[in-house]
C-alpha atoms as a PDB file:
ATOM      1  CA  UNK A   1     -52.397  80.068-126.166  1.00  0.00           C
ATOM      2  CA  UNK A   2     -53.402  80.234-129.774  1.00  0.00           C
ATOM      3  CA  UNK A   3     -51.249  78.155-132.121  1.00  0.00           C
ATOM      4  CA  UNK A   4     -49.358  80.296-134.562  1.00  0.00           C
ATOM      5  CA  UNK A   5     -49.346  79.483-138.243  1.00  0.00           C
ATOM      6  CA  UNK A   6     -46.050  78.073-139.438  1.00  0.00           C
ATOM      7  CA  UNK A   7     -44.928  79.012-142.906  1.00  0.00           C
ATOM      8  CA  UNK A   8     -42.965  76.099-144.293  1.00  0.00           C
ATOM      9  CA  UNK A   9     -42.151  74.762-147.706  1.00  0.00           C
ATOM     10  CA  UNK A  10     -44.186  71.610-148.233  1.00  0.00           C
ATOM     11  CA  UNK A  11     -42.227  68.379-148.723  1.00  0.00           C
ATOM     12  CA  UNK A  12     -44.532  66.084-150.705  1.00  0.00           C
ATOM     13  CA  UNK A  13     -42.354  63.111-149.775  1.00  0.00           C
ATOM     14  CA  UNK A  14     -43.419  63.436-146.134  1.00  0.00           C
ATOM     15  CA  UNK A  15     -47.177  63.872-146.413  1.00  0.00           C
ATOM     16  CA  UNK A  16     -49.077  63.033-143.238  1.00  0.00           C
ATOM     17  CA  UNK A  17     -52.429  61.280-142.869  1.00  0.00           C
ATOM     18  CA  UNK A  18     -54.218  61.803-139.550  1.00  0.00           C
ATOM     19  CA  UNK A  19     -57.344  59.946-138.481  1.00  0.00           C
ATOM     20  CA  UNK A  20     -60.302  61.220-136.507  1.00  0.00           C
ATOM     21  CA  UNK A  21     -62.641  58.264-136.096  1.00  0.00           C
ATOM     22  CA  UNK A  22     -63.320  58.538-132.357  1.00  0.00           C
ATOM     23  CA  UNK A  23     -66.128  60.995-131.677  1.00  0.00           C
ATOM     24  CA  UNK A  24     -64.523  62.710-128.665  1.00  0.00           C
ATOM     25  CA  UNK A  25     -63.236  66.312-128.855  1.00  0.00           C
ATOM     26  CA  UNK A  26     -60.202  65.559-126.659  1.00  0.00           C
ATOM     27  CA  UNK A  27     -59.200  62.690-128.952  1.00  0.00           C
ATOM     28  CA  UNK A  28     -59.618  64.814-132.061  1.00  0.00           C
ATOM     29  CA  UNK A  29     -57.716  67.786-130.633  1.00  0.00           C
ATOM     30  CA  UNK A  30     -54.789  65.651-129.470  1.00  0.00           C
ATOM     31  CA  UNK A  31     -54.430  64.103-132.932  1.00  0.00           C
ATOM     32  CA  UNK A  32     -54.645  67.560-134.490  1.00  0.00           C
ATOM     33  CA  UNK A  33     -51.902  68.880-132.196  1.00  0.00           C
ATOM     34  CA  UNK A  34     -49.629  65.911-132.919  1.00  0.00           C
ATOM     35  CA  UNK A  35     -50.075  66.263-136.678  1.00  0.00           C
ATOM     36  CA  UNK A  36     -49.524  70.025-136.447  1.00  0.00           C
ATOM     37  CA  UNK A  37     -46.088  69.550-134.896  1.00  0.00           C
ATOM     38  CA  UNK A  38     -45.159  66.647-137.163  1.00  0.00           C
ATOM     39  CA  UNK A  39     -45.971  68.929-140.081  1.00  0.00           C
ATOM     40  CA  UNK A  40     -43.533  71.461-138.632  1.00  0.00           C
ATOM     41  CA  UNK A  41     -40.833  68.807-138.199  1.00  0.00           C
ATOM     42  CA  UNK A  42     -41.188  66.964-141.502  1.00  0.00           C
ATOM     43  CA  UNK A  43     -42.549  69.817-143.651  1.00  0.00           C
ATOM     44  CA  UNK A  44     -45.318  67.545-144.970  1.00  0.00           C
ATOM     45  CA  UNK A  45     -48.898  68.372-145.841  1.00  0.00           C
ATOM     46  CA  UNK A  46     -51.689  67.086-143.589  1.00  0.00           C
ATOM     47  CA  UNK A  47     -54.755  65.210-144.803  1.00  0.00           C
ATOM     48  CA  UNK A  48     -57.424  64.171-142.310  1.00  0.00           C
ATOM     49  CA  UNK A  49     -59.531  61.043-142.703  1.00  0.00           C
ATOM     50  CA  UNK A  50     -62.782  61.039-140.762  1.00  0.00           C
ATOM     51  CA  UNK A  51     -66.174  59.415-140.822  1.00  0.00           C
ATOM     52  CA  UNK A  52     -68.624  60.874-143.313  1.00  0.00           C
ATOM     53  CA  UNK A  53     -70.826  63.443-141.599  1.00  0.00           C
ATOM     54  CA  UNK A  54     -68.434  64.177-138.718  1.00  0.00           C
ATOM     55  CA  UNK A  55     -68.705  67.961-138.970  1.00  0.00           C
ATOM     56  CA  UNK A  56     -67.348  68.565-135.453  1.00  0.00           C
ATOM     57  CA  UNK A  57     -63.988  66.900-136.202  1.00  0.00           C
ATOM     58  CA  UNK A  58     -63.709  68.694-139.532  1.00  0.00           C
ATOM     59  CA  UNK A  59     -64.205  72.078-137.838  1.00  0.00           C
ATOM     60  CA  UNK A  60     -61.506  71.266-135.273  1.00  0.00           C
ATOM     61  CA  UNK A  61     -58.979  70.272-137.934  1.00  0.00           C
ATOM     62  CA  UNK A  62     -59.784  73.289-140.088  1.00  0.00           C
ATOM     63  CA  UNK A  63     -58.959  75.452-137.056  1.00  0.00           C
ATOM     64  CA  UNK A  64     -55.466  73.934-137.250  1.00  0.00           C
ATOM     65  CA  UNK A  65     -55.147  74.925-140.891  1.00  0.00           C
ATOM     66  CA  UNK A  66     -55.990  71.537-142.445  1.00  0.00           C
ATOM     67  CA  UNK A  67     -57.643  71.866-145.849  1.00  0.00           C
ATOM     68  CA  UNK A  68     -57.634  68.317-147.203  1.00  0.00           C
ATOM     69  CA  UNK A  69     -60.175  65.755-145.991  1.00  0.00           C
ATOM     70  CA  UNK A  70     -61.082  62.179-146.853  1.00  0.00           C
ATOM     71  CA  UNK A  71     -64.496  60.910-145.786  1.00  0.00           C
ATOM     72  CA  UNK A  72     -64.762  57.255-144.785  1.00  0.00           C
ATOM     73  CA  UNK A  73     -68.146  55.871-145.834  1.00  0.00           C
ATOM     74  CA  UNK A  74     -69.829  52.835-144.339  1.00  0.00           C
ATOM     75  CA  UNK A  75     -70.838  50.008-146.650  1.00  0.00           C
ATOM     76  CA  UNK A  76     -73.911  50.598-148.749  1.00  0.00           C
ATOM     77  CA  UNK A  77     -76.503  47.870-149.321  1.00  0.00           C
ATOM     78  CA  UNK A  78     -74.741  46.332-152.337  1.00  0.00           C
ATOM     79  CA  UNK A  79     -71.362  46.420-150.609  1.00  0.00           C
ATOM     80  CA  UNK A  80     -72.827  44.673-147.567  1.00  0.00           C
ATOM     81  CA  UNK A  81     -73.983  41.820-149.782  1.00  0.00           C
ATOM     82  CA  UNK A  82     -70.601  41.607-151.502  1.00  0.00           C
ATOM     83  CA  UNK A  83     -68.569  41.759-148.303  1.00  0.00           C
ATOM     84  CA  UNK A  84     -70.768  39.323-146.411  1.00  0.00           C
ATOM     85  CA  UNK A  85     -70.116  36.881-149.236  1.00  0.00           C
ATOM     86  CA  UNK A  86     -66.387  37.653-149.056  1.00  0.00           C
ATOM     87  CA  UNK A  87     -66.504  37.135-145.287  1.00  0.00           C
ATOM     88  CA  UNK A  88     -67.988  33.663-145.660  1.00  0.00           C
ATOM     89  CA  UNK A  89     -65.405  32.863-148.318  1.00  0.00           C
ATOM     90  CA  UNK A  90     -62.617  34.221-146.097  1.00  0.00           C
ATOM     91  CA  UNK A  91     -63.759  32.029-143.205  1.00  0.00           C
ATOM     92  CA  UNK A  92     -63.692  29.084-145.615  1.00  0.00           C
ATOM     93  CA  UNK A  93     -66.197  27.043-143.602  1.00  0.00           C
ATOM     94  CA  UNK A  94     -64.043  27.327-140.491  1.00  0.00           C
ATOM     95  CA  UNK A  95     -66.217  27.474-137.423  1.00  0.00           C
ATOM     96  CA  UNK A  96     -63.742  27.204-134.573  1.00  0.00           C
ATOM     97  CA  UNK A  97     -62.602  30.574-133.183  1.00  0.00           C
ATOM     98  CA  UNK A  98     -59.142  29.240-132.284  1.00  0.00           C
ATOM     99  CA  UNK A  99     -58.548  28.583-135.992  1.00  0.00           C
ATOM    100  CA  UNK A 100     -60.222  31.767-137.201  1.00  0.00           C
ATOM    101  CA  UNK A 101     -58.089  34.144-135.100  1.00  0.00           C
ATOM    102  CA  UNK A 102     -55.048  32.922-137.067  1.00  0.00           C
ATOM    103  CA  UNK A 103     -56.522  33.880-140.442  1.00  0.00           C
ATOM    104  CA  UNK A 104     -54.862  36.683-142.382  1.00  0.00           C
ATOM    105  CA  UNK A 105     -56.064  38.823-145.266  1.00  0.00           C
ATOM    106  CA  UNK A 106     -53.273  40.296-147.400  1.00  0.00           C
ATOM    107  CA  UNK A 107     -50.914  39.926-144.382  1.00  0.00           C
ATOM    108  CA  UNK A 108     -53.417  41.693-142.101  1.00  0.00           C
ATOM    109  CA  UNK A 109     -54.377  39.821-138.918  1.00  0.00           C
ATOM    110  CA  UNK A 110     -58.050  40.063-139.754  1.00  0.00           C
ATOM    111  CA  UNK A 111     -59.261  37.015-137.840  1.00  0.00           C
ATOM    112  CA  UNK A 112     -57.873  38.273-134.540  1.00  0.00           C
ATOM    113  CA  UNK A 113     -58.943  41.851-135.249  1.00  0.00           C
ATOM    114  CA  UNK A 114     -62.527  40.755-135.947  1.00  0.00           C
ATOM    115  CA  UNK A 115     -62.585  38.691-132.762  1.00  0.00           C
ATOM    116  CA  UNK A 116     -61.224  41.578-130.645  1.00  0.00           C
ATOM    117  CA  UNK A 117     -63.848  43.887-132.126  1.00  0.00           C
ATOM    118  CA  UNK A 118     -66.609  41.360-131.545  1.00  0.00           C
ATOM    119  CA  UNK A 119     -65.656  41.023-127.866  1.00  0.00           C
ATOM    120  CA  UNK A 120     -65.541  44.794-127.382  1.00  0.00           C
ATOM    121  CA  UNK A 121     -68.830  45.683-129.043  1.00  0.00           C
ATOM    122  CA  UNK A 122     -70.900  42.562-128.374  1.00  0.00           C
ATOM    123  CA  UNK A 123     -69.428  41.774-124.971  1.00  0.00           C
ATOM    124  CA  UNK A 124     -69.200  38.012-125.467  1.00  0.00           C
ATOM    125  CA  UNK A 125     -65.649  36.816-124.637  1.00  0.00           C
ATOM    126  CA  UNK A 126     -66.658  33.147-124.678  1.00  0.00           C
ATOM    127  CA  UNK A 127     -67.621  32.835-128.342  1.00  0.00           C
ATOM    128  CA  UNK A 128     -66.525  29.404-129.557  1.00  0.00           C
ATOM    129  CA  UNK A 129     -68.245  29.153-132.934  1.00  0.00           C
ATOM    130  CA  UNK A 130     -69.047  31.607-135.683  1.00  0.00           C
ATOM    131  CA  UNK A 131     -72.399  33.393-135.584  1.00  0.00           C
ATOM    132  CA  UNK A 132     -73.990  36.030-137.831  1.00  0.00           C
ATOM    133  CA  UNK A 133     -72.738  38.917-135.700  1.00  0.00           C
ATOM    134  CA  UNK A 134     -69.168  37.696-136.029  1.00  0.00           C
ATOM    135  CA  UNK A 135     -69.543  37.347-139.810  1.00  0.00           C
ATOM    136  CA  UNK A 136     -70.624  41.011-139.864  1.00  0.00           C
ATOM    137  CA  UNK A 137     -67.405  42.057-138.104  1.00  0.00           C
ATOM    138  CA  UNK A 138     -65.335  40.062-140.595  1.00  0.00           C
ATOM    139  CA  UNK A 139     -67.259  41.724-143.431  1.00  0.00           C
ATOM    140  CA  UNK A 140     -66.579  45.199-142.036  1.00  0.00           C
ATOM    141  CA  UNK A 141     -62.912  44.330-141.550  1.00  0.00           C
ATOM    142  CA  UNK A 142     -62.534  43.134-145.136  1.00  0.00           C
ATOM    143  CA  UNK A 143     -64.201  46.314-146.398  1.00  0.00           C
ATOM    144  CA  UNK A 144     -61.923  48.485-144.248  1.00  0.00           C
ATOM    145  CA  UNK A 145     -58.774  46.660-145.406  1.00  0.00           C
ATOM    146  CA  UNK A 146     -59.726  47.066-149.074  1.00  0.00           C
ATOM    147  CA  UNK A 147     -60.693  50.711-148.579  1.00  0.00           C
ATOM    148  CA  UNK A 148     -57.455  51.684-146.836  1.00  0.00           C
ATOM    149  CA  UNK A 149     -55.292  49.658-149.224  1.00  0.00           C
ATOM    150  CA  UNK A 150     -56.782  51.478-152.224  1.00  0.00           C
ATOM    151  CA  UNK A 151     -56.450  54.835-150.470  1.00  0.00           C
ATOM    152  CA  UNK A 152     -52.789  54.346-149.629  1.00  0.00           C
ATOM    153  CA  UNK A 153     -51.974  52.927-153.057  1.00  0.00           C
ATOM    154  CA  UNK A 154     -53.218  56.040-154.840  1.00  0.00           C
ATOM    155  CA  UNK A 155     -51.804  58.499-152.292  1.00  0.00           C
ATOM    156  CA  UNK A 156     -48.358  59.585-151.171  1.00  0.00           C
ATOM    157  CA  UNK A 157     -48.632  59.317-147.403  1.00  0.00           C
ATOM    158  CA  UNK A 158     -45.444  58.528-145.519  1.00  0.00           C
ATOM    159  CA  UNK A 159     -46.703  59.040-141.979  1.00  0.00           C
ATOM    160  CA  UNK A 160     -49.916  58.383-140.090  1.00  0.00           C
ATOM    161  CA  UNK A 161     -51.165  59.880-136.828  1.00  0.00           C
ATOM    162  CA  UNK A 162     -53.530  57.422-135.158  1.00  0.00           C
ATOM    163  CA  UNK A 163     -54.172  57.221-131.429  1.00  0.00           C
ATOM    164  CA  UNK A 164     -56.596  54.272-131.331  1.00  0.00           C
ATOM    165  CA  UNK A 165     -54.883  51.290-132.963  1.00  0.00           C
ATOM    166  CA  UNK A 166     -57.309  48.521-131.998  1.00  0.00           C
ATOM    167  CA  UNK A 167     -60.663  47.321-133.336  1.00  0.00           C
ATOM    168  CA  UNK A 168     -62.304  47.694-136.730  1.00  0.00           C
ATOM    169  CA  UNK A 169     -61.822  49.872-138.758  1.00  0.00           C
ATOM    170  CA  UNK A 170     -58.844  51.521-137.023  1.00  0.00           C
ATOM    171  CA  UNK A 171     -56.822  48.355-136.526  1.00  0.00           C
ATOM    172  CA  UNK A 172     -57.191  47.758-140.272  1.00  0.00           C
ATOM    173  CA  UNK A 173     -55.859  51.241-141.053  1.00  0.00           C
ATOM    174  CA  UNK A 174     -52.994  50.709-138.602  1.00  0.00           C
ATOM    175  CA  UNK A 175     -51.965  47.341-140.027  1.00  0.00           C
ATOM    176  CA  UNK A 176     -52.410  48.276-143.686  1.00  0.00           C
ATOM    177  CA  UNK A 177     -50.278  51.392-143.160  1.00  0.00           C
ATOM    178  CA  UNK A 178     -47.470  49.438-141.512  1.00  0.00           C
ATOM    179  CA  UNK A 179     -47.610  46.810-144.258  1.00  0.00           C
ATOM    180  CA  UNK A 180     -47.089  49.639-146.781  1.00  0.00           C
ATOM    181  CA  UNK A 181     -44.057  50.959-144.837  1.00  0.00           C
ATOM    182  CA  UNK A 182     -45.862  54.015-143.477  1.00  0.00           C
ATOM    183  CA  UNK A 183     -44.627  55.236-140.090  1.00  0.00           C
ATOM    184  CA  UNK A 184     -47.370  55.426-137.491  1.00  0.00           C
ATOM    185  CA  UNK A 185     -47.325  57.861-134.575  1.00  0.00           C
ATOM    186  CA  UNK A 186     -49.723  56.849-131.813  1.00  0.00           C
ATOM    187  CA  UNK A 187     -50.665  58.714-128.644  1.00  0.00           C
ATOM    188  CA  UNK A 188     -50.729  56.898-125.314  1.00  0.00           C
ATOM    189  CA  UNK A 189     -52.002  58.324-122.057  1.00  0.00           C
ATOM    190  CA  UNK A 190     -54.672  60.884-121.219  1.00  0.00           C
ATOM    191  CA  UNK A 191     -53.761  64.114-119.418  1.00  0.00           C
ATOM    192  CA  UNK A 192     -50.041  63.536-119.929  1.00  0.00           C
ATOM    193  CA  UNK A 193     -49.449  61.489-123.030  1.00  0.00           C
ATOM    194  CA  UNK A 194     -46.470  60.068-124.865  1.00  0.00           C
ATOM    195  CA  UNK A 195     -46.010  59.563-128.581  1.00  0.00           C
ATOM    196  CA  UNK A 196     -44.949  56.163-129.833  1.00  0.00           C
ATOM    197  CA  UNK A 197     -43.610  55.359-133.263  1.00  0.00           C
ATOM    198  CA  UNK A 198     -44.344  52.158-135.147  1.00  0.00           C
ATOM    199  CA  UNK A 199     -42.416  51.134-138.258  1.00  0.00           C
ATOM    200  CA  UNK A 200     -43.055  47.408-138.681  1.00  0.00           C
ATOM    201  CA  UNK A 201     -46.149  45.219-138.948  1.00  0.00           C
ATOM    202  CA  UNK A 202     -44.633  42.903-136.343  1.00  0.00           C
ATOM    203  CA  UNK A 203     -45.240  45.656-133.777  1.00  0.00           C
ATOM    204  CA  UNK A 204     -48.995  45.799-134.354  1.00  0.00           C
ATOM    205  CA  UNK A 205     -49.893  43.876-131.214  1.00  0.00           C
ATOM    206  CA  UNK A 206     -47.140  45.253-128.995  1.00  0.00           C
ATOM    207  CA  UNK A 207     -46.452  48.533-127.237  1.00  0.00           C
ATOM    208  CA  UNK A 208     -42.893  48.752-128.491  1.00  0.00           C
ATOM    209  CA  UNK A 209     -42.268  51.949-130.374  1.00  0.00           C
END
């Protein structure tokens, strides 16, 4: 059935940010549906953040009546130089992974997040010492944390819809949002899914809603 438009008075104190970083139609549609009903419940306006150039996701969200979009850009050449330097500084000559996974950046568990992302995308769960690939993940994590912190600081989002909460850059968005007291609604499950609510940064590595 076609979703009907809901005429509601917008409550700017309950504005909702919804991400669409995973390039799968089912993922995008489920996030769009969740944000659509949260908009109905909280009377907030929806803004979608997606990767620059993701036309497919934008079309899907526009079909749900979303008009505001933020486009997440990857690092340009200059930013890569800057953030690789910041990554080396962040690591502070530490070379042992057991020490690095404990490192935090502005209260964000960036060391562990970078290591999780490295394992997923590189497929090397036995990394013991830092290599150039790992430095790249730290660099991307630092960039994502700074990007999302600036975005949230200048915006008025009170809620976030985000179904993937692991790995860079989404884990950075998830943790930064919780650190700024933004409620996060995350989908779990596939055909039949549940919605879980996160309100505290301490929950970022748990399934407790």
